[in-house]
Amino acid sequence: MASRALVSLRLRTPFLNTTRRTLFTTPRMLIKEDADRSPEQVEKAKQEQLKEQQQGQGRWREDLASSGESNIAADKEKVNDHQDHIQKLQQETKNKGEKGEI
C-alpha cells in the first residue's frame, strides 16, 4: 500500500524543468554597422556634409546613415519604372560583388 501512495505522489508532482540561459548583449553601433571606418573618417564626412548644408547643397549621405536609416530611405524611395530600377540595383550589386565589397 505504501508503494502505491508513493507512485501516485510522483505522478501528481510536476517535474521542475530548469534551464539555464546565458545573458548577453550585442554591441551598440550607431553608424553604418557594416562599414569599416575610423572615427576620423566619419568626422571628416560629417564636416563635409555640414559644409554642403551651409552652402545650400545638402544631400542624402548614405555613408553617414545607419543601416536602419538606409533601409527606411529605400522603403520610401519613389520608383516610376520598376523593371529599370531592379536592373540598376542588380547591376550595382554585380559591380560590388566583382570588387569584393559584398
PDB file of N, CA and C in Angstrom:
ATOM      1  N   MET A   1       0.808  -1.179   0.000  1.00  0.00           N
ATOM      2  CA  MET A   1       0.000   0.000   0.000  1.00  0.00           C
ATOM      3  C   MET A   1       0.868   1.265   0.000  1.00  0.00           C
ATOM      4  N   ALA A   2       1.921   1.227   0.739  1.00  0.00           N
ATOM      5  CA  ALA A   2       2.795   2.393   0.816  1.00  0.00           C
ATOM      6  C   ALA A   2       3.418   2.695  -0.544  1.00  0.00           C
ATOM      7  N   SER A   3       3.752   1.678  -1.301  1.00  0.00           N
ATOM      8  CA  SER A   3       4.363   1.905  -2.607  1.00  0.00           C
ATOM      9  C   SER A   3       3.367   2.539  -3.575  1.00  0.00           C
ATOM     10  N   ARG A   4       2.064   2.195  -3.426  1.00  0.00           N
ATOM     11  CA  ARG A   4       1.041   2.801  -4.283  1.00  0.00           C
ATOM     12  C   ARG A   4       0.923   4.310  -3.999  1.00  0.00           C
ATOM     13  N   ALA A   5       0.957   4.684  -2.765  1.00  0.00           N
ATOM     14  CA  ALA A   5       0.856   6.096  -2.387  1.00  0.00           C
ATOM     15  C   ALA A   5       2.057   6.868  -2.920  1.00  0.00           C
ATOM     16  N   LEU A   6       3.233   6.264  -2.861  1.00  0.00           N
ATOM     17  CA  LEU A   6       4.450   6.905  -3.351  1.00  0.00           C
ATOM     18  C   LEU A   6       4.387   7.102  -4.862  1.00  0.00           C
ATOM     19  N   VAL A   7       3.893   6.109  -5.574  1.00  0.00           N
ATOM     20  CA  VAL A   7       3.776   6.208  -7.027  1.00  0.00           C
ATOM     21  C   VAL A   7       2.786   7.301  -7.401  1.00  0.00           C
ATOM     22  N   SER A   8       1.655   7.361  -6.713  1.00  0.00           N
ATOM     23  CA  SER A   8       0.655   8.366  -7.051  1.00  0.00           C
ATOM     24  C   SER A   8       1.171   9.776  -6.740  1.00  0.00           C
ATOM     25  N   LEU A   9       1.993   9.950  -5.701  1.00  0.00           N
ATOM     26  CA  LEU A   9       2.587  11.258  -5.417  1.00  0.00           C
ATOM     27  C   LEU A   9       3.556  11.671  -6.524  1.00  0.00           C
ATOM     28  N   ARG A  10       4.308  10.730  -7.011  1.00  0.00           N
ATOM     29  CA  ARG A  10       5.270  11.030  -8.074  1.00  0.00           C
ATOM     30  C   ARG A  10       4.556  11.434  -9.365  1.00  0.00           C
ATOM     31  N   LEU A  11       3.441  10.824  -9.657  1.00  0.00           N
ATOM     32  CA  LEU A  11       2.718  11.141 -10.882  1.00  0.00           C
ATOM     33  C   LEU A  11       2.065  12.511 -10.810  1.00  0.00           C
ATOM     34  N   ARG A  12       1.651  12.929  -9.636  1.00  0.00           N
ATOM     35  CA  ARG A  12       0.977  14.214  -9.496  1.00  0.00           C
ATOM     36  C   ARG A  12       1.944  15.383  -9.344  1.00  0.00           C
ATOM     37  N   THR A  13       3.153  15.129  -8.954  1.00  0.00           N
ATOM     38  CA  THR A  13       4.130  16.192  -8.758  1.00  0.00           C
ATOM     39  C   THR A  13       4.756  16.555 -10.109  1.00  0.00           C
ATOM     40  N   PRO A  14       4.616  17.795 -10.518  1.00  0.00           N
ATOM     41  CA  PRO A  14       5.211  18.184 -11.810  1.00  0.00           C
ATOM     42  C   PRO A  14       6.737  18.209 -11.708  1.00  0.00           C
ATOM     43  N   PHE A  15       7.358  17.887 -12.798  1.00  0.00           N
ATOM     44  CA  PHE A  15       8.814  17.926 -12.832  1.00  0.00           C
ATOM     45  C   PHE A  15       9.260  19.377 -12.934  1.00  0.00           C
ATOM     46  N   LEU A  16      10.263  19.680 -12.209  1.00  0.00           N
ATOM     47  CA  LEU A  16      10.821  21.026 -12.284  1.00  0.00           C
ATOM     48  C   LEU A  16      11.819  21.054 -13.428  1.00  0.00           C
ATOM     49  N   ASN A  17      11.445  21.729 -14.454  1.00  0.00           N
ATOM     50  CA  ASN A  17      12.298  21.813 -15.633  1.00  0.00           C
ATOM     51  C   ASN A  17      13.089  23.113 -15.550  1.00  0.00           C
ATOM     52  N   THR A  18      14.306  23.001 -15.135  1.00  0.00           N
ATOM     53  CA  THR A  18      15.136  24.199 -15.005  1.00  0.00           C
ATOM     54  C   THR A  18      16.086  24.277 -16.187  1.00  0.00           C
ATOM     55  N   THR A  19      16.096  25.419 -16.803  1.00  0.00           N
ATOM     56  CA  THR A  19      17.047  25.659 -17.884  1.00  0.00           C
ATOM     57  C   THR A  19      17.859  26.886 -17.522  1.00  0.00           C
ATOM     58  N   ARG A  20      19.060  26.862 -17.930  1.00  0.00           N
ATOM     59  CA  ARG A  20      19.941  27.999 -17.668  1.00  0.00           C
ATOM     60  C   ARG A  20      20.198  28.720 -18.972  1.00  0.00           C
ATOM     61  N   ARG A  21      20.002  30.001 -18.944  1.00  0.00           N
ATOM     62  CA  ARG A  21      20.220  30.814 -20.130  1.00  0.00           C
ATOM     63  C   ARG A  21      21.352  31.790 -19.862  1.00  0.00           C
ATOM     64  N   THR A  22      22.132  31.978 -20.877  1.00  0.00           N
ATOM     65  CA  THR A  22      23.235  32.909 -20.766  1.00  0.00           C
ATOM     66  C   THR A  22      22.756  34.292 -21.183  1.00  0.00           C
ATOM     67  N   LEU A  23      23.037  35.269 -20.383  1.00  0.00           N
ATOM     68  CA  LEU A  23      22.665  36.641 -20.691  1.00  0.00           C
ATOM     69  C   LEU A  23      23.804  37.292 -21.463  1.00  0.00           C
ATOM     70  N   PHE A  24      23.465  37.835 -22.623  1.00  0.00           N
ATOM     71  CA  PHE A  24      24.486  38.538 -23.383  1.00  0.00           C
ATOM     72  C   PHE A  24      23.848  39.720 -24.096  1.00  0.00           C
ATOM     73  N   THR A  25      24.664  40.672 -24.445  1.00  0.00           N
ATOM     74  CA  THR A  25      24.187  41.831 -25.196  1.00  0.00           C
ATOM     75  C   THR A  25      25.071  42.005 -26.416  1.00  0.00           C
ATOM     76  N   THR A  26      24.508  42.638 -27.426  1.00  0.00           N
ATOM     77  CA  THR A  26      25.292  42.912 -28.618  1.00  0.00           C
ATOM     78  C   THR A  26      25.790  44.349 -28.536  1.00  0.00           C
ATOM     79  N   PRO A  27      26.940  44.604 -29.099  1.00  0.00           N
ATOM     80  CA  PRO A  27      27.467  45.961 -29.048  1.00  0.00           C
ATOM     81  C   PRO A  27      26.566  46.911 -29.833  1.00  0.00           C
ATOM     82  N   ARG A  28      26.402  48.101 -29.343  1.00  0.00           N
ATOM     83  CA  ARG A  28      25.547  49.094 -29.985  1.00  0.00           C
ATOM     84  C   ARG A  28      26.376  49.890 -30.984  1.00  0.00           C
ATOM     85  N   MET A  29      25.971  49.810 -32.234  1.00  0.00           N
ATOM     86  CA  MET A  29      26.681  50.539 -33.283  1.00  0.00           C
ATOM     87  C   MET A  29      25.722  51.540 -33.898  1.00  0.00           C
ATOM     88  N   LEU A  30      26.104  52.785 -33.926  1.00  0.00           N
ATOM     89  CA  LEU A  30      25.189  53.818 -34.363  1.00  0.00           C
ATOM     90  C   LEU A  30      25.356  54.213 -35.827  1.00  0.00           C
ATOM     91  N   ILE A  31      26.532  54.047 -36.378  1.00  0.00           N
ATOM     92  CA  ILE A  31      26.762  54.454 -37.761  1.00  0.00           C
ATOM     93  C   ILE A  31      27.139  53.237 -38.583  1.00  0.00           C
ATOM     94  N   LYS A  32      26.512  53.112 -39.721  1.00  0.00           N
ATOM     95  CA  LYS A  32      26.727  52.057 -40.713  1.00  0.00           C
ATOM     96  C   LYS A  32      27.525  50.889 -40.149  1.00  0.00           C
ATOM     97  N   GLU A  33      26.796  49.970 -39.573  1.00  0.00           N
ATOM     98  CA  GLU A  33      27.381  48.868 -38.826  1.00  0.00           C
ATOM     99  C   GLU A  33      28.354  48.023 -39.641  1.00  0.00           C
ATOM    100  N   ASP A  34      28.116  47.931 -40.954  1.00  0.00           N
ATOM    101  CA  ASP A  34      28.957  47.069 -41.766  1.00  0.00           C
ATOM    102  C   ASP A  34      30.139  47.810 -42.399  1.00  0.00           C
ATOM    103  N   ALA A  35      30.243  49.111 -42.167  1.00  0.00           N
ATOM    104  CA  ALA A  35      31.348  49.879 -42.727  1.00  0.00           C
ATOM    105  C   ALA A  35      32.569  49.782 -41.813  1.00  0.00           C
ATOM    106  N   ASP A  36      33.703  49.718 -42.425  1.00  0.00           N
ATOM    107  CA  ASP A  36      34.958  49.630 -41.674  1.00  0.00           C
ATOM    108  C   ASP A  36      35.678  50.973 -41.813  1.00  0.00           C
ATOM    109  N   ARG A  37      35.343  51.913 -40.907  1.00  0.00           N
ATOM    110  CA  ARG A  37      35.919  53.252 -40.980  1.00  0.00           C
ATOM    111  C   ARG A  37      36.415  53.674 -39.612  1.00  0.00           C
ATOM    112  N   SER A  38      37.391  54.531 -39.651  1.00  0.00           N
ATOM    113  CA  SER A  38      37.924  55.073 -38.403  1.00  0.00           C
ATOM    114  C   SER A  38      37.065  56.260 -37.966  1.00  0.00           C
ATOM    115  N   PRO A  39      37.114  56.610 -36.698  1.00  0.00           N
ATOM    116  CA  PRO A  39      36.358  57.775 -36.230  1.00  0.00           C
ATOM    117  C   PRO A  39      36.757  59.066 -36.957  1.00  0.00           C
ATOM    118  N   GLU A  40      38.018  59.166 -37.375  1.00  0.00           N
ATOM    119  CA  GLU A  40      38.480  60.350 -38.102  1.00  0.00           C
ATOM    120  C   GLU A  40      37.796  60.448 -39.463  1.00  0.00           C
ATOM    121  N   GLN A  41      37.626  59.311 -40.142  1.00  0.00           N
ATOM    122  CA  GLN A  41      36.961  59.313 -41.445  1.00  0.00           C
ATOM    123  C   GLN A  41      35.499  59.717 -41.305  1.00  0.00           C
ATOM    124  N   VAL A  42      34.851  59.238 -40.272  1.00  0.00           N
ATOM    125  CA  VAL A  42      33.443  59.577 -40.031  1.00  0.00           C
ATOM    126  C   VAL A  42      33.316  61.065 -39.749  1.00  0.00           C
ATOM    127  N   GLU A  43      34.191  61.587 -38.911  1.00  0.00           N
ATOM    128  CA  GLU A  43      34.142  63.016 -38.573  1.00  0.00           C
ATOM    129  C   GLU A  43      34.391  63.883 -39.802  1.00  0.00           C
ATOM    130  N   LYS A  44      35.324  63.472 -40.645  1.00  0.00           N
ATOM    131  CA  LYS A  44      35.612  64.215 -41.876  1.00  0.00           C
ATOM    132  C   LYS A  44      34.376  64.249 -42.776  1.00  0.00           C
ATOM    133  N   ALA A  45      33.704  63.110 -42.917  1.00  0.00           N
ATOM    134  CA  ALA A  45      32.497  63.044 -43.750  1.00  0.00           C
ATOM    135  C   ALA A  45      31.387  63.916 -43.171  1.00  0.00           C
ATOM    136  N   LYS A  46      31.260  63.928 -41.851  1.00  0.00           N
ATOM    137  CA  LYS A  46      30.243  64.770 -41.215  1.00  0.00           C
ATOM    138  C   LYS A  46      30.530  66.248 -41.464  1.00  0.00           C
ATOM    139  N   GLN A  47      31.793  66.652 -41.349  1.00  0.00           N
ATOM    140  CA  GLN A  47      32.160  68.050 -41.577  1.00  0.00           C
ATOM    141  C   GLN A  47      31.890  68.458 -43.025  1.00  0.00           C
ATOM    142  N   GLU A  48      32.170  67.539 -43.970  1.00  0.00           N
ATOM    143  CA  GLU A  48      31.873  67.810 -45.378  1.00  0.00           C
ATOM    144  C   GLU A  48      30.369  68.005 -45.577  1.00  0.00           C
ATOM    145  N   GLN A  49      29.573  67.185 -44.925  1.00  0.00           N
ATOM    146  CA  GLN A  49      28.123  67.293 -45.045  1.00  0.00           C
ATOM    147  C   GLN A  49      27.635  68.628 -44.473  1.00  0.00           C
ATOM    148  N   LEU A  50      28.167  69.024 -43.327  1.00  0.00           N
ATOM    149  CA  LEU A  50      27.779  70.307 -42.734  1.00  0.00           C
ATOM    150  C   LEU A  50      28.136  71.476 -43.651  1.00  0.00           C
ATOM    151  N   LYS A  51      29.320  71.398 -44.276  1.00  0.00           N
ATOM    152  CA  LYS A  51      29.751  72.442 -45.197  1.00  0.00           C
ATOM    153  C   LYS A  51      28.797  72.528 -46.395  1.00  0.00           C
ATOM    154  N   GLU A  52      28.397  71.378 -46.931  1.00  0.00           N
ATOM    155  CA  GLU A  52      27.454  71.344 -48.052  1.00  0.00           C
ATOM    156  C   GLU A  52      26.112  71.945 -47.648  1.00  0.00           C
ATOM    157  N   GLN A  53      25.648  71.628 -46.455  1.00  0.00           N
ATOM    158  CA  GLN A  53      24.366  72.158 -45.991  1.00  0.00           C
ATOM    159  C   GLN A  53      24.415  73.671 -45.851  1.00  0.00           C
ATOM    160  N   GLN A  54      25.518  74.204 -45.363  1.00  0.00           N
ATOM    161  CA  GLN A  54      25.655  75.651 -45.211  1.00  0.00           C
ATOM    162  C   GLN A  54      25.670  76.355 -46.559  1.00  0.00           C
ATOM    163  N   GLN A  55      26.139  75.674 -47.600  1.00  0.00           N
ATOM    164  CA  GLN A  55      26.177  76.243 -48.946  1.00  0.00           C
ATOM    165  C   GLN A  55      24.858  75.997 -49.698  1.00  0.00           C
ATOM    166  N   GLY A  56      23.905  75.331 -49.053  1.00  0.00           N
ATOM    167  CA  GLY A  56      22.624  75.056 -49.682  1.00  0.00           C
ATOM    168  C   GLY A  56      22.657  73.869 -50.632  1.00  0.00           C
ATOM    169  N   GLN A  57      23.658  73.033 -50.503  1.00  0.00           N
ATOM    170  CA  GLN A  57      23.803  71.876 -51.376  1.00  0.00           C
ATOM    171  C   GLN A  57      23.639  70.568 -50.598  1.00  0.00           C
ATOM    172  N   GLY A  58      22.865  70.614 -49.531  1.00  0.00           N
ATOM    173  CA  GLY A  58      22.691  69.427 -48.706  1.00  0.00           C
ATOM    174  C   GLY A  58      22.084  68.274 -49.497  1.00  0.00           C
ATOM    175  N   ARG A  59      22.500  67.069 -49.205  1.00  0.00           N
ATOM    176  CA  ARG A  59      22.008  65.876 -49.892  1.00  0.00           C
ATOM    177  C   ARG A  59      22.058  64.698 -48.937  1.00  0.00           C
ATOM    178  N   TRP A  60      21.393  63.624 -49.321  1.00  0.00           N
ATOM    179  CA  TRP A  60      21.378  62.389 -48.526  1.00  0.00           C
ATOM    180  C   TRP A  60      22.743  61.740 -48.610  1.00  0.00           C
ATOM    181  N   ARG A  61      23.325  61.455 -47.474  1.00  0.00           N
ATOM    182  CA  ARG A  61      24.630  60.781 -47.417  1.00  0.00           C
ATOM    183  C   ARG A  61      24.435  59.416 -46.797  1.00  0.00           C
ATOM    184  N   GLU A  62      24.309  58.421 -47.637  1.00  0.00           N
ATOM    185  CA  GLU A  62      24.063  57.070 -47.133  1.00  0.00           C
ATOM    186  C   GLU A  62      25.248  56.547 -46.329  1.00  0.00           C
ATOM    187  N   ASP A  63      26.451  57.011 -46.655  1.00  0.00           N
ATOM    188  CA  ASP A  63      27.626  56.542 -45.923  1.00  0.00           C
ATOM    189  C   ASP A  63      27.622  57.000 -44.470  1.00  0.00           C
ATOM    190  N   LEU A  64      26.846  58.035 -44.152  1.00  0.00           N
ATOM    191  CA  LEU A  64      26.756  58.508 -42.767  1.00  0.00           C
ATOM    192  C   LEU A  64      25.543  57.934 -42.033  1.00  0.00           C
ATOM    193  N   ALA A  65      24.646  57.314 -42.750  1.00  0.00           N
ATOM    194  CA  ALA A  65      23.422  56.788 -42.148  1.00  0.00           C
ATOM    195  C   ALA A  65      23.657  55.404 -41.551  1.00  0.00           C
ATOM    196  N   SER A  66      22.831  55.072 -40.586  1.00  0.00           N
ATOM    197  CA  SER A  66      22.893  53.717 -40.043  1.00  0.00           C
ATOM    198  C   SER A  66      22.198  52.785 -41.034  1.00  0.00           C
ATOM    199  N   SER A  67      22.331  51.496 -40.847  1.00  0.00           N
ATOM    200  CA  SER A  67      21.672  50.538 -41.734  1.00  0.00           C
ATOM    201  C   SER A  67      20.161  50.697 -41.673  1.00  0.00           C
ATOM    202  N   GLY A  68      19.633  50.953 -40.487  1.00  0.00           N
ATOM    203  CA  GLY A  68      18.194  51.149 -40.337  1.00  0.00           C
ATOM    204  C   GLY A  68      17.708  52.368 -41.105  1.00  0.00           C
ATOM    205  N   GLU A  69      18.453  53.468 -41.034  1.00  0.00           N
ATOM    206  CA  GLU A  69      18.083  54.676 -41.776  1.00  0.00           C
ATOM    207  C   GLU A  69      18.145  54.433 -43.276  1.00  0.00           C
ATOM    208  N   SER A  70      19.131  53.672 -43.717  1.00  0.00           N
ATOM    209  CA  SER A  70      19.245  53.348 -45.137  1.00  0.00           C
ATOM    210  C   SER A  70      18.058  52.514 -45.600  1.00  0.00           C
ATOM    211  N   ASN A  71      17.645  51.568 -44.766  1.00  0.00           N
ATOM    212  CA  ASN A  71      16.506  50.718 -45.120  1.00  0.00           C
ATOM    213  C   ASN A  71      15.225  51.542 -45.219  1.00  0.00           C
ATOM    214  N   ILE A  72      15.030  52.464 -44.295  1.00  0.00           N
ATOM    215  CA  ILE A  72      13.832  53.307 -44.317  1.00  0.00           C
ATOM    216  C   ILE A  72      13.846  54.204 -45.555  1.00  0.00           C
ATOM    217  N   ALA A  73      14.987  54.779 -45.890  1.00  0.00           N
ATOM    218  CA  ALA A  73      15.085  55.632 -47.071  1.00  0.00           C
ATOM    219  C   ALA A  73      14.783  54.826 -48.333  1.00  0.00           C
ATOM    220  N   ALA A  74      15.265  53.590 -48.385  1.00  0.00           N
ATOM    221  CA  ALA A  74      14.985  52.730 -49.541  1.00  0.00           C
ATOM    222  C   ALA A  74      13.502  52.399 -49.624  1.00  0.00           C
ATOM    223  N   ASP A  75      12.868  52.178 -48.486  1.00  0.00           N
ATOM    224  CA  ASP A  75      11.424  51.892 -48.484  1.00  0.00           C
ATOM    225  C   ASP A  75      10.613  53.081 -48.974  1.00  0.00           C
ATOM    226  N   LYS A  76      11.065  54.293 -48.682  1.00  0.00           N
ATOM    227  CA  LYS A  76      10.325  55.493 -49.053  1.00  0.00           C
ATOM    228  C   LYS A  76      10.634  55.979 -50.471  1.00  0.00           C
ATOM    229  N   GLU A  77      11.636  55.372 -51.105  1.00  0.00           N
ATOM    230  CA  GLU A  77      12.051  55.825 -52.433  1.00  0.00           C
ATOM    231  C   GLU A  77      10.924  55.658 -53.449  1.00  0.00           C
ATOM    232  N   LYS A  78      10.695  56.698 -54.250  1.00  0.00           N
ATOM    233  CA  LYS A  78       9.672  56.659 -55.300  1.00  0.00           C
ATOM    234  C   LYS A  78      10.285  56.019 -56.546  1.00  0.00           C
ATOM    235  N   VAL A  79       9.649  54.978 -57.043  1.00  0.00           N
ATOM    236  CA  VAL A  79      10.128  54.272 -58.232  1.00  0.00           C
ATOM    237  C   VAL A  79       9.041  54.335 -59.289  1.00  0.00           C
ATOM    238  N   ASN A  80       9.370  54.937 -60.450  1.00  0.00           N
ATOM    239  CA  ASN A  80       8.402  55.031 -61.541  1.00  0.00           C
ATOM    240  C   ASN A  80       8.464  53.801 -62.441  1.00  0.00           C
ATOM    241  N   ASP A  81       9.667  53.434 -62.854  1.00  0.00           N
ATOM    242  CA  ASP A  81       9.845  52.276 -63.733  1.00  0.00           C
ATOM    243  C   ASP A  81      10.482  51.144 -62.921  1.00  0.00           C
ATOM    244  N   HIS A  82       9.641  50.244 -62.451  1.00  0.00           N
ATOM    245  CA  HIS A  82      10.097  49.183 -61.555  1.00  0.00           C
ATOM    246  C   HIS A  82      11.149  48.292 -62.209  1.00  0.00           C
ATOM    247  N   GLN A  83      10.931  47.884 -63.449  1.00  0.00           N
ATOM    248  CA  GLN A  83      11.855  46.967 -64.133  1.00  0.00           C
ATOM    249  C   GLN A  83      13.230  47.604 -64.303  1.00  0.00           C
ATOM    250  N   ASP A  84      13.264  48.866 -64.709  1.00  0.00           N
ATOM    251  CA  ASP A  84      14.528  49.580 -64.876  1.00  0.00           C
ATOM    252  C   ASP A  84      15.249  49.727 -63.535  1.00  0.00           C
ATOM    253  N   HIS A  85      14.486  50.013 -62.482  1.00  0.00           N
ATOM    254  CA  HIS A  85      15.056  50.172 -61.139  1.00  0.00           C
ATOM    255  C   HIS A  85      15.705  48.867 -60.665  1.00  0.00           C
ATOM    256  N   ILE A  86      15.014  47.745 -60.877  1.00  0.00           N
ATOM    257  CA  ILE A  86      15.556  46.436 -60.477  1.00  0.00           C
ATOM    258  C   ILE A  86      16.839  46.134 -61.244  1.00  0.00           C
ATOM    259  N   GLN A  87      16.859  46.435 -62.536  1.00  0.00           N
ATOM    260  CA  GLN A  87      18.067  46.176 -63.332  1.00  0.00           C
ATOM    261  C   GLN A  87      19.245  47.009 -62.833  1.00  0.00           C
ATOM    262  N   LYS A  88      18.992  48.258 -62.471  1.00  0.00           N
ATOM    263  CA  LYS A  88      20.062  49.107 -61.929  1.00  0.00           C
ATOM    264  C   LYS A  88      20.587  48.555 -60.608  1.00  0.00           C
ATOM    265  N   LEU A  89      19.675  48.102 -59.756  1.00  0.00           N
ATOM    266  CA  LEU A  89      20.099  47.533 -58.472  1.00  0.00           C
ATOM    267  C   LEU A  89      20.904  46.251 -58.681  1.00  0.00           C
ATOM    268  N   GLN A  90      20.467  45.422 -59.626  1.00  0.00           N
ATOM    269  CA  GLN A  90      21.200  44.184 -59.911  1.00  0.00           C
ATOM    270  C   GLN A  90      22.593  44.490 -60.456  1.00  0.00           C
ATOM    271  N   GLN A  91      22.693  45.487 -61.329  1.00  0.00           N
ATOM    272  CA  GLN A  91      23.992  45.867 -61.881  1.00  0.00           C
ATOM    273  C   GLN A  91      24.906  46.403 -60.776  1.00  0.00           C
ATOM    274  N   GLU A  92      24.340  47.216 -59.886  1.00  0.00           N
ATOM    275  CA  GLU A  92      25.118  47.754 -58.772  1.00  0.00           C
ATOM    276  C   GLU A  92      25.624  46.629 -57.865  1.00  0.00           C
ATOM    277  N   THR A  93      24.770  45.655 -57.592  1.00  0.00           N
ATOM    278  CA  THR A  93      25.169  44.512 -56.764  1.00  0.00           C
ATOM    279  C   THR A  93      26.256  43.694 -57.452  1.00  0.00           C
ATOM    280  N   LYS A  94      26.112  43.503 -58.751  1.00  0.00           N
ATOM    281  CA  LYS A  94      27.115  42.761 -59.526  1.00  0.00           C
ATOM    282  C   LYS A  94      28.470  43.461 -59.444  1.00  0.00           C
ATOM    283  N   ASN A  95      28.462  44.787 -59.632  1.00  0.00           N
ATOM    284  CA  ASN A  95      29.719  45.547 -59.575  1.00  0.00           C
ATOM    285  C   ASN A  95      30.366  45.453 -58.193  1.00  0.00           C
ATOM    286  N   LYS A  96      29.555  45.557 -57.145  1.00  0.00           N
ATOM    287  CA  LYS A  96      30.109  45.439 -55.787  1.00  0.00           C
ATOM    288  C   LYS A  96      30.649  44.041 -55.538  1.00  0.00           C
ATOM    289  N   GLY A  97      29.971  43.034 -56.065  1.00  0.00           N
ATOM    290  CA  GLY A  97      30.436  41.652 -55.906  1.00  0.00           C
ATOM    291  C   GLY A  97      31.768  41.415 -56.601  1.00  0.00           C
ATOM    292  N   GLU A  98      31.931  41.998 -57.779  1.00  0.00           N
ATOM    293  CA  GLU A  98      33.180  41.851 -58.519  1.00  0.00           C
ATOM    294  C   GLU A  98      34.329  42.566 -57.815  1.00  0.00           C
ATOM    295  N   LYS A  99      34.011  43.667 -57.110  1.00  0.00           N
ATOM    296  CA  LYS A  99      35.045  44.403 -56.380  1.00  0.00           C
ATOM    297  C   LYS A  99      35.344  43.765 -55.024  1.00  0.00           C
ATOM    298  N   GLY A 100      34.497  42.801 -54.616  1.00  0.00           N
ATOM    299  CA  GLY A 100      34.707  42.141 -53.327  1.00  0.00           C
ATOM    300  C   GLY A 100      34.130  42.907 -52.151  1.00  0.00           C
ATOM    301  N   GLU A 101      33.195  43.805 -52.410  1.00  0.00           N
ATOM    302  CA  GLU A 101      32.606  44.608 -51.351  1.00  0.00           C
ATOM    303  C   GLU A 101      31.444  43.901 -50.662  1.00  0.00           C
ATOM    304  N   ILE A 102      30.991  42.818 -51.251  1.00  0.00           N
ATOM    305  CA  ILE A 102      29.867  42.082 -50.671  1.00  0.00           C
ATOM    306  C   ILE A 102      30.369  40.821 -50.026  1.00  0.00           C
TER     307      ILE A 102
END
